[in-house]
Amino acid sequence: MNSVTILAEENRKLRQTSQRRQRRQQQQRQYIASGGALQAEQGQLLAAEAERVAQQVEQEERKDLVYAAIVAII
């Protein structure tokens, strides 16, 4: 019974890691100047969006670490 719980938790972590990697790959393939000249405001918006995504990924990683620590304690 315990091994089923451990395997389920490991599966969940692997899926989350896979989703994070997919997001990072998609983010890295974005090009700022992909349609001609870029206005300053557009560049600022793209930079802000990239920063927001990076922070979101970092927060998810922290949550996973905290959850793993709690599961390890239990």
C-alpha atoms as a PDB file:
ATOM      1  CA  MET A   1       0.000   0.000   0.000  1.00  0.00           C
ATOM      2  CA  ASN A   2       2.818   2.353   0.876  1.00  0.00           C
ATOM      3  CA  SER A   3       4.585   1.725  -2.432  1.00  0.00           C
ATOM      4  CA  VAL A   4       1.442   2.724  -4.334  1.00  0.00           C
ATOM      5  CA  THR A   5       1.410   6.075  -2.538  1.00  0.00           C
ATOM      6  CA  ILE A   6       5.102   6.600  -3.199  1.00  0.00           C
ATOM      7  CA  LEU A   7       4.706   5.741  -6.887  1.00  0.00           C
ATOM      8  CA  ALA A   8       1.716   8.063  -7.233  1.00  0.00           C
ATOM      9  CA  GLU A   9       3.676  10.919  -5.654  1.00  0.00           C
ATOM     10  CA  GLU A  10       6.678  10.262  -7.888  1.00  0.00           C
ATOM     11  CA  ASN A  11       4.417  10.212 -10.948  1.00  0.00           C
ATOM     12  CA  ARG A  12       2.885  13.569  -9.939  1.00  0.00           C
ATOM     13  CA  LYS A  13       6.328  15.125  -9.506  1.00  0.00           C
ATOM     14  CA  LEU A  14       7.507  13.828 -12.868  1.00  0.00           C
ATOM     15  CA  ARG A  15       4.456  15.246 -14.610  1.00  0.00           C
ATOM     16  CA  GLN A  16       4.993  18.655 -12.990  1.00  0.00           C
ATOM     17  CA  THR A  17       8.652  18.644 -13.964  1.00  0.00           C
ATOM     18  CA  SER A  18       7.726  17.737 -17.525  1.00  0.00           C
ATOM     19  CA  GLN A  19       5.194  20.581 -17.700  1.00  0.00           C
ATOM     20  CA  ARG A  20       7.782  23.061 -16.397  1.00  0.00           C
ATOM     21  CA  ARG A  21      10.324  21.940 -18.992  1.00  0.00           C
ATOM     22  CA  GLN A  22       7.767  22.291 -21.765  1.00  0.00           C
ATOM     23  CA  ARG A  23       6.953  25.848 -20.626  1.00  0.00           C
ATOM     24  CA  ARG A  24      10.633  26.757 -20.507  1.00  0.00           C
ATOM     25  CA  GLN A  25      11.231  25.362 -23.987  1.00  0.00           C
ATOM     26  CA  GLN A  26       8.321  27.362 -25.346  1.00  0.00           C
ATOM     27  CA  GLN A  27       9.536  30.488 -23.580  1.00  0.00           C
ATOM     28  CA  GLN A  28      13.051  30.142 -24.980  1.00  0.00           C
ATOM     29  CA  ARG A  29      11.722  29.974 -28.532  1.00  0.00           C
ATOM     30  CA  GLN A  30      10.035  33.354 -28.365  1.00  0.00           C
ATOM     31  CA  TYR A  31      11.650  36.057 -30.458  1.00  0.00           C
ATOM     32  CA  ILE A  32      11.240  39.714 -29.653  1.00  0.00           C
ATOM     33  CA  ALA A  33      11.646  41.062 -33.190  1.00  0.00           C
ATOM     34  CA  SER A  34       9.543  38.543 -35.083  1.00  0.00           C
ATOM     35  CA  GLY A  35       7.610  40.913 -37.292  1.00  0.00           C
ATOM     36  CA  GLY A  36       9.559  44.019 -38.109  1.00  0.00           C
ATOM     37  CA  ALA A  37      10.354  46.955 -35.887  1.00  0.00           C
ATOM     38  CA  LEU A  38       9.533  46.700 -32.214  1.00  0.00           C
ATOM     39  CA  GLN A  39       8.164  49.683 -30.353  1.00  0.00           C
ATOM     40  CA  ALA A  40       9.565  50.445 -26.885  1.00  0.00           C
ATOM     41  CA  GLU A  41       6.204  49.781 -25.236  1.00  0.00           C
ATOM     42  CA  GLN A  42       5.883  46.395 -26.950  1.00  0.00           C
ATOM     43  CA  GLY A  43       9.380  45.431 -25.812  1.00  0.00           C
ATOM     44  CA  GLN A  44       8.575  46.408 -22.251  1.00  0.00           C
ATOM     45  CA  LEU A  45       5.378  44.348 -22.325  1.00  0.00           C
ATOM     46  CA  LEU A  46       7.226  41.304 -23.655  1.00  0.00           C
ATOM     47  CA  ALA A  47       9.952  41.680 -21.028  1.00  0.00           C
ATOM     48  CA  ALA A  48       7.361  42.013 -18.255  1.00  0.00           C
ATOM     49  CA  GLU A  49       5.531  38.896 -19.471  1.00  0.00           C
ATOM     50  CA  ALA A  50       8.768  36.906 -19.585  1.00  0.00           C
ATOM     51  CA  GLU A  51       9.586  37.999 -16.035  1.00  0.00           C
ATOM     52  CA  ARG A  52       6.092  37.049 -14.838  1.00  0.00           C
ATOM     53  CA  VAL A  53       6.393  33.564 -16.345  1.00  0.00           C
ATOM     54  CA  ALA A  54       9.838  33.077 -14.795  1.00  0.00           C
ATOM     55  CA  GLN A  55       8.515  34.091 -11.370  1.00  0.00           C
ATOM     56  CA  GLN A  56       5.522  31.769 -11.735  1.00  0.00           C
ATOM     57  CA  VAL A  57       7.785  28.816 -12.562  1.00  0.00           C
ATOM     58  CA  GLU A  58      10.005  29.662  -9.590  1.00  0.00           C
ATOM     59  CA  GLN A  59       6.993  29.803  -7.249  1.00  0.00           C
ATOM     60  CA  GLU A  60       5.759  26.425  -8.486  1.00  0.00           C
ATOM     61  CA  GLU A  61       9.180  24.921  -7.868  1.00  0.00           C
ATOM     62  CA  ARG A  62       9.183  26.291  -4.304  1.00  0.00           C
ATOM     63  CA  LYS A  63       5.713  24.859  -3.677  1.00  0.00           C
ATOM     64  CA  ASP A  64       6.876  21.464  -4.908  1.00  0.00           C
ATOM     65  CA  LEU A  65       9.891  21.580  -2.598  1.00  0.00           C
ATOM     66  CA  VAL A  66       7.735  22.471   0.394  1.00  0.00           C
ATOM     67  CA  TYR A  67       5.238  19.740  -0.479  1.00  0.00           C
ATOM     68  CA  ALA A  68       8.034  17.187  -0.872  1.00  0.00           C
ATOM     69  CA  ALA A  69       9.461  18.202   2.494  1.00  0.00           C
ATOM     70  CA  ILE A  70       6.066  17.811   4.154  1.00  0.00           C
ATOM     71  CA  VAL A  71       5.529  14.406   2.539  1.00  0.00           C
ATOM     72  CA  ALA A  72       9.019  13.328   3.664  1.00  0.00           C
ATOM     73  CA  ILE A  73       8.215  14.334   7.249  1.00  0.00           C
ATOM     74  CA  ILE A  74       4.939  12.433   7.226  1.00  0.00           C
END
